[in-house]
């Protein structure tokens, strides 16, 4: 999948992924702190 590799090498794409991870991580820690630590 060359398109996926190009997207992963894009700084903006990485920044968006990090933002999504943060949005998913915050509620995950609220609901289950044990899983959030892992």
C-alpha atoms as a PDB file:
ATOM      1  CA  UNK A   1       0.000   0.000   0.000  1.00  0.00           C
ATOM      2  CA  UNK A   2       2.178   2.871  -1.237  1.00  0.00           C
ATOM      3  CA  UNK A   3      -0.561   5.399  -0.434  1.00  0.00           C
ATOM      4  CA  UNK A   4      -0.488   4.415   3.246  1.00  0.00           C
ATOM      5  CA  UNK A   5       3.301   4.828   3.369  1.00  0.00           C
ATOM      6  CA  UNK A   6       3.024   8.297   1.829  1.00  0.00           C
ATOM      7  CA  UNK A   7       0.382   9.272   4.381  1.00  0.00           C
ATOM      8  CA  UNK A   8       2.486   8.009   7.297  1.00  0.00           C
ATOM      9  CA  UNK A   9       5.444  10.089   6.072  1.00  0.00           C
ATOM     10  CA  UNK A  10       3.285  13.238   5.969  1.00  0.00           C
ATOM     11  CA  UNK A  11       3.909  15.447   9.057  1.00  0.00           C
ATOM     12  CA  UNK A  12       0.337  16.793   8.956  1.00  0.00           C
ATOM     13  CA  UNK A  13      -1.052  13.232   8.822  1.00  0.00           C
ATOM     14  CA  UNK A  14       1.064  12.262  11.840  1.00  0.00           C
ATOM     15  CA  UNK A  15      -0.121  15.361  13.717  1.00  0.00           C
ATOM     16  CA  UNK A  16      -3.762  14.464  13.014  1.00  0.00           C
ATOM     17  CA  UNK A  17      -3.162  10.892  14.216  1.00  0.00           C
ATOM     18  CA  UNK A  18      -1.605  12.204  17.443  1.00  0.00           C
ATOM     19  CA  UNK A  19      -4.612  14.473  18.014  1.00  0.00           C
ATOM     20  CA  UNK A  20      -7.021  11.572  17.467  1.00  0.00           C
ATOM     21  CA  UNK A  21      -5.017   9.382  19.845  1.00  0.00           C
ATOM     22  CA  UNK A  22      -5.195  12.097  22.510  1.00  0.00           C
ATOM     23  CA  UNK A  23      -8.965  12.455  22.032  1.00  0.00           C
ATOM     24  CA  UNK A  24      -9.404   8.680  22.366  1.00  0.00           C
ATOM     25  CA  UNK A  25      -6.898   8.374  25.221  1.00  0.00           C
ATOM     26  CA  UNK A  26      -8.530  10.963  27.517  1.00  0.00           C
ATOM     27  CA  UNK A  27     -12.011   9.313  27.687  1.00  0.00           C
ATOM     28  CA  UNK A  28     -10.381   5.870  27.851  1.00  0.00           C
ATOM     29  CA  UNK A  29      -8.497   6.884  31.005  1.00  0.00           C
ATOM     30  CA  UNK A  30     -11.678   8.293  32.529  1.00  0.00           C
ATOM     31  CA  UNK A  31     -13.646   5.092  31.937  1.00  0.00           C
ATOM     32  CA  UNK A  32     -10.853   2.619  32.756  1.00  0.00           C
ATOM     33  CA  UNK A  33      -7.697   4.044  34.437  1.00  0.00           C
ATOM     34  CA  UNK A  34      -6.021   0.617  34.495  1.00  0.00           C
ATOM     35  CA  UNK A  35      -6.205   0.255  30.714  1.00  0.00           C
ATOM     36  CA  UNK A  36      -5.240   3.902  30.216  1.00  0.00           C
ATOM     37  CA  UNK A  37      -1.947   3.363  32.056  1.00  0.00           C
ATOM     38  CA  UNK A  38      -1.079   0.471  29.780  1.00  0.00           C
END
